[in-house]
Amino acid sequence: MDAYWLDWLNLVLRWAHVIFAVAWIGTSFFFMWLDASLEEPGRDADREVGGESWLVHSGGFYRMQKYRMVPEPILRGLHWFKWDAYLTWITGALLLIALYYLQAPTWLVPADGPLGPWAGVAVGLAVLVLGWLVYDRACRAGWLDDGRVATLAGLVAVGALAFALEQVFTGRAAYLHVGAMLGTLMAANVAMIIMPAQRALVAATARGERPDPALGARAKQRSVHNNYVTLPVVFIMLSNHFPMTWGHGWSWAILVALVAIGAFARHWFNLHDAGRARAAVWIPPAAVAALVALAFVSQPRATSTSTDAAAVRFAEVEAVIDRRCVSCHAAEPTFEGFVEPPLGVALETPADIRRHARAIYTQSVVTDAMPIGNLTGITPDERALLGRWYESGAAVDTAAR
């Protein structure tokens, strides 16, 4: 497909994906809040009401009531919450195919990596399928019934998967596939556990029978899991903008830390909604402190000494950039698949190079984010030369430095 139309496909799918994800996450947050906020029903409430909550919004008051059973005519007017989840996953899967699988040599597997494009696609699909099978088995076996065990197991799984994928994928593709796996678990929870349980609940109620509480408990467990995964998945959706995470030498550990911070932030909201925020007042400051600590721990270290820097000439730097960067970062890129320079960054003149010196350093030295998948074959020595040049002042004259 022509690069121009791929860009438009990317825009439309990404926009739709975000829209559906916002709707799904909003529904998850609302129902978690509602369950946590239910109070004893008023005296005028139906005897089947198990709890209720009063809300004010949009210039009016709302009385939300949770029923154990309702008459069959009411069942026909039920609102089902499923398509937000399904369409979020479908648009995400289409994005994965369009951006990573159809352009696997560019975005999925590094040029010097152990896998070819089709092998990389096979690994990516296997991650999604096997991730669900293992998770579902663990839930059905009761191994994740304890929330603390589920949290620890989830963090270990995220770290192990990210580490493994970084050995065969580009950094951003590794992060993206962890997020895709988590999103697949969430959507599969809705399709294969939550919705069947709700259909059984409706069928039993229509027959005038008490629903099997085990079905409701299983569905609730998966719904809670989905709720805690939302914030980590949102970060992964945005992570391609932050190469200091997926391009770092310890990217898998950074991902584990950010997933933990996101999950604990969600935990605080859930406790707050249940009126138990005082018991977890430490979570917000701890989350902020953890983010600050993570930024400090993962900050780049200088790659050169003053003696090393003295040997760098701008002509050498310019030659590296011309060989490894300009095929994409030019007003008219020559690299297949690009119709304009990524992010509008052109590196064709000394002034361009000086203007974007920090980005060059961050993307090519501090991280291995650029060149994408090392398509142009930049060497460690060339990265080190760029690092010495930047750390010595990023001068653009041709005199020896």
Protein backbone atom coordinates (compact mmCIF):
# COMPACT_ATOMS: atom_id res chain seq x y z
CA MET A 1 0.00 0.00 0.00
CA ASP A 2 1.23 3.52 -0.82
CA ALA A 3 2.76 5.33 2.18
CA TYR A 4 0.30 8.22 1.82
CA TRP A 5 -2.71 5.94 2.17
CA LEU A 6 -1.07 4.04 5.00
CA ASP A 7 -0.79 7.32 6.87
CA TRP A 8 -4.50 7.98 6.38
CA LEU A 9 -5.35 4.44 7.44
CA ASN A 10 -3.21 4.97 10.53
CA LEU A 11 -5.03 8.22 11.33
CA VAL A 12 -8.53 6.78 10.95
CA LEU A 13 -7.82 3.56 12.85
CA ARG A 14 -5.94 5.30 15.64
CA TRP A 15 -8.68 7.88 16.09
CA ALA A 16 -11.37 5.20 16.17
CA HIS A 17 -9.28 3.08 18.55
CA VAL A 18 -8.93 5.97 21.00
CA ILE A 19 -12.64 6.82 20.79
CA PHE A 20 -13.76 3.28 21.54
CA ALA A 21 -11.10 2.86 24.24
CA VAL A 22 -12.27 6.02 26.02
CA ALA A 23 -15.86 4.74 25.95
CA TRP A 24 -14.85 1.30 27.25
CA ILE A 25 -12.62 2.63 30.00
CA GLY A 26 -15.27 5.14 31.02
CA THR A 27 -17.82 2.35 31.36
CA SER A 28 -15.39 0.26 33.42
CA PHE A 29 -14.61 3.17 35.73
CA PHE A 30 -18.28 4.03 36.15
CA PHE A 31 -19.47 0.55 37.06
CA MET A 32 -16.55 0.00 39.44
CA TRP A 33 -17.46 3.29 41.10
CA LEU A 34 -21.14 2.36 41.19
CA ASP A 35 -20.54 -1.03 42.82
CA ALA A 36 -18.28 0.59 45.41
CA SER A 37 -20.76 3.40 46.15
CA LEU A 38 -23.99 1.44 46.62
CA GLU A 39 -25.75 2.00 49.92
CA GLU A 40 -28.68 0.33 51.65
CA PRO A 41 -31.84 0.93 49.60
CA GLY A 42 -34.54 3.26 50.87
CA ARG A 43 -37.73 1.99 52.44
CA ASP A 44 -39.65 2.67 49.24
CA ALA A 45 -37.32 0.49 47.16
CA ASP A 46 -38.38 -2.79 45.63
CA ARG A 47 -37.45 -5.82 47.76
CA GLU A 48 -35.19 -7.07 44.95
CA VAL A 49 -33.03 -3.95 45.15
CA GLY A 50 -29.68 -4.89 46.67
CA GLY A 51 -28.30 -1.37 46.87
CA GLU A 52 -28.69 2.11 45.46
CA SER A 53 -26.87 5.36 44.91
CA TRP A 54 -28.02 8.89 44.19
CA LEU A 55 -26.18 10.99 41.59
CA VAL A 56 -26.47 14.53 40.32
CA HIS A 57 -25.39 15.40 36.78
CA SER A 58 -26.56 17.35 33.74
CA GLY A 59 -28.98 19.43 35.77
CA GLY A 60 -30.83 16.51 37.26
CA PHE A 61 -30.82 13.79 39.93
CA TYR A 62 -30.40 10.09 39.18
CA ARG A 63 -31.29 7.14 41.38
CA MET A 64 -29.17 4.12 40.51
CA GLN A 65 -30.45 0.82 41.89
CA LYS A 66 -28.87 -2.62 41.66
CA TYR A 67 -31.40 -5.46 41.39
CA ARG A 68 -31.02 -9.12 42.19
CA MET A 69 -33.87 -9.99 39.81
CA VAL A 70 -36.30 -8.01 37.66
CA PRO A 71 -39.53 -8.93 35.84
CA GLU A 72 -39.12 -10.38 32.34
CA PRO A 73 -40.59 -7.33 30.49
CA ILE A 74 -37.83 -5.16 31.92
CA LEU A 75 -35.19 -7.57 30.61
CA ARG A 76 -36.16 -6.70 27.06
CA GLY A 77 -35.09 -3.09 27.65
CA LEU A 78 -31.67 -3.92 29.07
CA HIS A 79 -28.62 -2.04 27.86
CA TRP A 80 -25.64 -4.32 27.19
CA PHE A 81 -22.10 -3.02 27.43
CA LYS A 82 -19.94 -5.01 25.05
CA TRP A 83 -19.39 -3.26 21.71
CA ASP A 84 -17.06 -0.63 23.16
CA ALA A 85 -14.77 -3.46 24.23
CA TYR A 86 -15.09 -5.36 20.95
CA LEU A 87 -14.53 -2.31 18.74
CA THR A 88 -11.55 -1.21 20.83
CA TRP A 89 -9.93 -4.58 20.25
CA ILE A 90 -10.90 -4.75 16.56
CA THR A 91 -9.49 -1.30 15.76
CA GLY A 92 -6.38 -2.10 17.81
CA ALA A 93 -5.88 -5.35 15.91
CA LEU A 94 -6.27 -3.53 12.59
CA LEU A 95 -3.70 -0.96 13.71
CA LEU A 96 -1.32 -3.74 14.70
CA ILE A 97 -1.69 -5.31 11.27
CA ALA A 98 -1.44 -2.06 9.30
CA LEU A 99 1.50 -0.55 11.17
CA TYR A 100 3.54 -3.48 12.42
CA TYR A 101 2.68 -6.56 10.38
CA LEU A 102 2.31 -5.02 6.91
CA GLN A 103 5.44 -2.97 7.60
CA ALA A 104 7.30 -5.59 9.64
CA PRO A 105 10.77 -4.87 8.16
CA THR A 106 10.47 -1.25 9.28
CA TRP A 107 8.61 -1.33 12.59
CA LEU A 108 8.44 -4.88 13.95
CA VAL A 109 11.82 -6.58 13.66
CA PRO A 110 15.27 -4.93 13.63
CA ALA A 111 17.30 -5.29 10.45
CA ASP A 112 20.08 -7.05 12.34
CA GLY A 113 17.73 -9.14 14.52
CA PRO A 114 17.34 -12.92 14.63
CA LEU A 115 13.87 -13.01 13.04
CA GLY A 116 12.64 -12.26 9.56
CA PRO A 117 9.43 -10.25 9.03
CA TRP A 118 7.06 -13.23 8.74
CA ALA A 119 8.61 -15.03 11.69
CA GLY A 120 8.15 -11.82 13.69
CA VAL A 121 4.47 -11.67 12.73
CA ALA A 122 4.06 -15.31 13.81
CA VAL A 123 5.66 -14.57 17.17
CA GLY A 124 3.43 -11.53 17.67
CA LEU A 125 0.25 -13.50 16.98
CA ALA A 126 1.42 -16.36 19.21
CA VAL A 127 1.91 -13.91 22.08
CA LEU A 128 -1.73 -12.83 21.84
CA VAL A 129 -3.13 -16.36 21.70
CA LEU A 130 -0.85 -17.98 24.29
CA GLY A 131 -1.22 -15.01 26.63
CA TRP A 132 -4.98 -15.54 26.78
CA LEU A 133 -4.73 -19.32 27.17
CA VAL A 134 -2.28 -19.09 30.07
CA TYR A 135 -4.17 -16.30 31.83
CA ASP A 136 -7.56 -17.98 31.43
CA ARG A 137 -6.19 -21.26 32.76
CA ALA A 138 -4.71 -19.49 35.77
CA CYS A 139 -8.04 -17.82 36.52
CA ARG A 140 -10.07 -21.01 36.16
CA ALA A 141 -7.64 -22.88 38.40
CA GLY A 142 -8.11 -20.26 41.12
CA TRP A 143 -4.45 -19.23 41.10
CA LEU A 144 -5.35 -15.55 40.74
CA ASP A 145 -8.18 -15.38 43.28
CA ASP A 146 -5.95 -13.53 45.74
CA GLY A 147 -5.49 -9.98 44.48
CA ARG A 148 -1.93 -9.78 45.77
CA VAL A 149 -0.97 -12.96 43.96
CA ALA A 150 -2.65 -11.71 40.79
CA THR A 151 -0.74 -8.42 41.00
CA LEU A 152 2.62 -10.09 41.52
CA ALA A 153 1.98 -12.66 38.80
CA GLY A 154 0.91 -9.94 36.40
CA LEU A 155 4.05 -7.86 36.97
CA VAL A 156 6.31 -10.89 36.59
CA ALA A 157 4.52 -11.86 33.37
CA VAL A 158 4.80 -8.33 31.94
CA GLY A 159 8.51 -8.15 32.76
CA ALA A 160 9.29 -11.60 31.39
CA LEU A 161 7.34 -11.03 28.19
CA ALA A 162 8.85 -7.58 27.59
CA PHE A 163 12.36 -8.94 28.15
CA ALA A 164 11.79 -11.85 25.77
CA LEU A 165 10.24 -9.72 23.04
CA GLU A 166 13.08 -7.18 23.22
CA GLN A 167 15.42 -9.93 22.05
CA VAL A 168 13.57 -10.26 18.72
CA PHE A 169 11.49 -7.09 18.21
CA THR A 170 12.26 -3.40 18.04
CA GLY A 171 11.79 -1.68 21.41
CA ARG A 172 8.53 0.01 20.52
CA ALA A 173 7.14 -3.20 18.98
CA ALA A 174 8.00 -5.12 22.16
CA TYR A 175 6.10 -2.61 24.30
CA LEU A 176 3.22 -2.53 21.84
CA HIS A 177 2.84 -6.31 21.91
CA VAL A 178 2.74 -6.38 25.70
CA GLY A 179 -0.07 -3.83 25.48
CA ALA A 180 -1.78 -5.79 22.70
CA MET A 181 -1.66 -8.94 24.82
CA LEU A 182 -3.18 -7.13 27.81
CA GLY A 183 -5.85 -5.62 25.57
CA THR A 184 -6.60 -9.06 24.15
CA LEU A 185 -7.03 -10.46 27.66
CA MET A 186 -9.42 -7.63 28.48
CA ALA A 187 -11.54 -8.08 25.35
CA ALA A 188 -11.55 -11.87 25.70
CA ASN A 189 -12.68 -11.49 29.31
CA VAL A 190 -15.70 -9.57 28.03
CA ALA A 191 -16.47 -11.92 25.14
CA MET A 192 -15.78 -15.29 26.77
CA ILE A 193 -16.48 -14.79 30.47
CA ILE A 194 -18.44 -11.65 31.29
CA MET A 195 -21.00 -11.76 28.46
CA PRO A 196 -21.79 -15.50 28.84
CA ALA A 197 -22.28 -14.95 32.57
CA GLN A 198 -24.61 -12.03 31.90
CA ARG A 199 -26.61 -14.05 29.36
CA ALA A 200 -26.98 -16.84 31.93
CA LEU A 201 -28.04 -14.26 34.51
CA VAL A 202 -30.71 -12.89 32.19
CA ALA A 203 -31.93 -16.37 31.22
CA ALA A 204 -32.26 -17.48 34.83
CA THR A 205 -34.05 -14.28 35.78
CA ALA A 206 -36.44 -14.67 32.86
CA ARG A 207 -37.33 -18.14 34.16
CA GLY A 208 -37.94 -16.72 37.61
CA GLU A 209 -34.92 -18.56 39.04
CA ARG A 210 -32.09 -17.28 41.20
CA PRO A 211 -28.94 -16.94 39.07
CA ASP A 212 -25.92 -19.05 39.91
CA PRO A 213 -23.77 -16.75 42.11
CA ALA A 214 -20.59 -18.47 40.85
CA LEU A 215 -21.16 -17.05 37.37
CA GLY A 216 -21.50 -13.55 38.72
CA ALA A 217 -18.39 -13.96 40.88
CA ARG A 218 -16.33 -15.18 37.92
CA ALA A 219 -17.51 -12.32 35.73
CA LYS A 220 -16.82 -9.81 38.48
CA GLN A 221 -13.27 -11.13 38.93
CA ARG A 222 -12.50 -10.64 35.24
CA SER A 223 -14.13 -7.20 35.28
CA VAL A 224 -11.91 -6.18 38.20
CA HIS A 225 -8.83 -7.47 36.38
CA ASN A 226 -9.81 -5.40 33.34
CA ASN A 227 -10.25 -2.34 35.51
CA TYR A 228 -6.77 -2.56 37.01
CA VAL A 229 -5.14 -3.09 33.62
CA THR A 230 -6.70 -0.01 32.00
CA LEU A 231 -4.15 2.61 33.09
CA PRO A 232 -1.10 0.49 32.21
CA VAL A 233 -2.59 -0.20 28.77
CA VAL A 234 -3.25 3.52 28.22
CA PHE A 235 0.43 4.21 28.91
CA ILE A 236 1.52 1.54 26.44
CA MET A 237 -0.80 3.05 23.83
CA LEU A 238 1.12 6.32 24.25
CA SER A 239 4.58 4.84 24.76
CA ASN A 240 5.75 5.16 21.17
CA HIS A 241 6.14 8.90 21.86
CA PHE A 242 8.63 8.25 24.67
CA PRO A 243 11.71 6.38 23.44
CA MET A 244 13.49 6.93 26.77
CA THR A 245 11.27 4.08 28.01
CA TRP A 246 11.20 1.43 25.27
CA GLY A 247 14.61 2.44 23.90
CA HIS A 248 16.38 2.19 27.26
CA GLY A 249 18.78 -0.66 28.03
CA TRP A 250 16.50 -1.67 30.92
CA SER A 251 13.26 -1.04 29.07
CA TRP A 252 11.56 -4.17 30.42
CA ALA A 253 12.18 -3.05 34.01
CA ILE A 254 10.94 0.45 33.22
CA LEU A 255 7.76 -1.06 31.80
CA VAL A 256 7.20 -3.18 34.91
CA ALA A 257 7.64 -0.10 37.11
CA LEU A 258 5.21 2.00 35.05
CA VAL A 259 2.64 -0.81 34.93
CA ALA A 260 2.87 -1.16 38.72
CA ILE A 261 2.47 2.60 39.21
CA GLY A 262 -0.56 2.66 36.91
CA ALA A 263 -2.22 -0.30 38.61
CA PHE A 264 -1.68 1.13 42.08
CA ALA A 265 -3.04 4.49 40.95
CA ARG A 266 -6.17 2.67 39.79
CA HIS A 267 -6.30 0.89 43.16
CA TRP A 268 -6.36 4.22 44.96
CA PHE A 269 -9.31 5.39 42.86
CA ASN A 270 -11.18 2.19 43.65
CA LEU A 271 -10.52 2.58 47.37
CA HIS A 272 -11.52 6.23 47.21
CA ASP A 273 -14.80 5.32 45.51
CA ALA A 274 -15.49 2.77 48.25
CA GLY A 275 -14.91 5.41 50.96
CA ARG A 276 -11.61 3.84 52.03
CA ALA A 277 -9.16 6.42 50.73
CA ARG A 278 -7.76 7.11 54.19
CA ALA A 279 -6.51 3.55 54.40
CA ALA A 280 -4.42 4.13 51.28
CA VAL A 281 -3.50 7.79 51.64
CA TRP A 282 0.11 6.79 50.96
CA ILE A 283 -0.55 5.66 47.38
CA PRO A 284 -0.67 9.05 45.55
CA PRO A 285 2.57 10.42 47.07
CA ALA A 286 4.23 7.02 46.68
CA ALA A 287 3.24 6.92 43.00
CA VAL A 288 4.66 10.40 42.40
CA ALA A 289 7.85 9.52 44.29
CA ALA A 290 8.19 6.32 42.26
CA LEU A 291 7.86 8.23 38.97
CA VAL A 292 10.50 10.75 40.07
CA ALA A 293 12.81 7.97 41.25
CA LEU A 294 12.33 6.09 37.99
CA ALA A 295 13.22 9.18 35.99
CA PHE A 296 16.41 9.67 37.99
CA VAL A 297 17.46 6.03 37.92
CA SER A 298 16.91 5.71 34.17
CA GLN A 299 18.45 9.02 33.14
CA PRO A 300 21.25 8.78 30.56
CA ARG A 301 24.86 8.70 31.60
CA ALA A 302 27.63 10.51 29.76
CA THR A 303 29.21 8.31 27.10
CA SER A 304 32.51 10.13 26.71
CA THR A 305 35.33 11.86 28.53
CA SER A 306 36.80 15.23 27.65
CA THR A 307 39.74 13.40 26.02
CA ASP A 308 37.37 11.38 23.83
CA ALA A 309 35.42 14.48 22.88
CA ALA A 310 38.54 16.26 21.69
CA ALA A 311 38.88 13.87 18.77
CA VAL A 312 35.43 14.56 17.24
CA ARG A 313 35.15 16.64 14.06
CA PHE A 314 31.81 17.80 12.72
CA ALA A 315 32.66 16.40 9.29
CA GLU A 316 32.65 12.90 10.85
CA VAL A 317 29.30 13.56 12.51
CA GLU A 318 27.82 14.88 9.29
CA ALA A 319 29.05 11.82 7.40
CA VAL A 320 27.37 9.45 9.89
CA ILE A 321 24.09 11.36 9.71
CA ASP A 322 24.23 11.42 5.92
CA ARG A 323 24.79 7.63 5.78
CA ARG A 324 22.38 6.58 8.52
CA CYS A 325 19.68 9.25 8.86
CA VAL A 326 19.12 11.40 5.79
CA SER A 327 17.42 8.70 3.71
CA CYS A 328 14.37 9.24 5.97
CA HIS A 329 15.08 12.66 7.50
CA ALA A 330 15.05 14.69 4.31
CA ALA A 331 12.58 17.04 2.70
CA GLU A 332 12.03 14.29 0.13
CA PRO A 333 12.91 10.96 1.78
CA THR A 334 14.40 8.25 -0.41
CA PHE A 335 13.63 5.41 2.00
CA GLU A 336 10.67 3.31 0.92
CA GLY A 337 7.51 3.94 2.91
CA PHE A 338 8.17 7.58 3.82
CA VAL A 339 6.64 10.50 1.94
CA GLU A 340 7.88 13.11 4.40
CA PRO A 341 10.50 13.21 7.16
CA PRO A 342 9.30 11.60 10.44
CA LEU A 343 7.90 14.28 12.76
CA GLY A 344 8.99 16.87 10.19
CA VAL A 345 12.65 16.50 11.21
CA ALA A 346 15.06 17.02 8.30
CA LEU A 347 18.82 16.63 8.82
CA GLU A 348 20.19 17.77 5.48
CA THR A 349 22.17 20.85 6.54
CA PRO A 350 24.53 21.73 9.40
CA ALA A 351 21.86 24.11 10.72
CA ASP A 352 19.30 21.26 10.74
CA ILE A 353 21.72 18.99 12.57
CA ARG A 354 22.53 21.62 15.19
CA ARG A 355 18.84 22.42 15.70
CA HIS A 356 18.02 18.77 16.33
CA ALA A 357 21.24 17.83 18.16
CA ARG A 358 19.44 16.90 21.37
CA ALA A 359 16.95 14.69 19.52
CA ILE A 360 19.79 12.99 17.65
CA TYR A 361 21.54 12.32 20.95
CA THR A 362 18.39 11.07 22.70
CA GLN A 363 17.14 8.90 19.87
CA SER A 364 20.45 7.46 18.62
CA VAL A 365 22.80 7.46 21.61
CA VAL A 366 20.82 7.44 24.86
CA THR A 367 18.40 4.98 23.26
CA ASP A 368 18.51 2.82 20.14
CA ALA A 369 15.20 4.21 18.91
CA MET A 370 16.73 5.54 15.72
CA PRO A 371 17.36 4.51 13.05
CA ILE A 372 14.08 2.56 13.19
CA GLY A 373 14.94 -1.10 13.63
CA ASN A 374 18.49 -0.07 12.71
CA LEU A 375 17.43 -0.28 9.07
CA THR A 376 20.44 1.74 7.94
CA GLY A 377 22.94 -0.31 9.96
CA ILE A 378 24.38 2.30 12.28
CA THR A 379 27.27 0.85 14.31
CA PRO A 380 28.02 1.18 18.04
CA ASP A 381 31.13 3.20 17.17
CA GLU A 382 29.04 5.63 15.15
CA ARG A 383 26.56 6.02 17.99
CA ALA A 384 29.47 6.67 20.37
CA LEU A 385 30.87 9.31 17.99
CA LEU A 386 27.51 11.12 17.95
CA GLY A 387 27.46 10.95 21.73
CA ARG A 388 30.93 12.45 22.08
CA TRP A 389 30.01 15.22 19.66
CA TYR A 390 26.86 16.17 21.58
CA GLU A 391 28.51 15.98 24.99
CA SER A 392 31.36 18.20 23.80
CA GLY A 393 28.96 21.00 22.84
CA ALA A 394 27.43 19.87 19.50
CA ALA A 395 29.47 22.32 17.46
CA VAL A 396 28.82 22.35 13.70
CA ASP A 397 32.09 23.80 12.41
CA THR A 398 34.62 21.58 10.66
CA ALA A 399 37.53 22.30 12.99
CA ALA A 400 38.97 19.45 15.06
CA ARG A 401 37.55 19.37 18.57
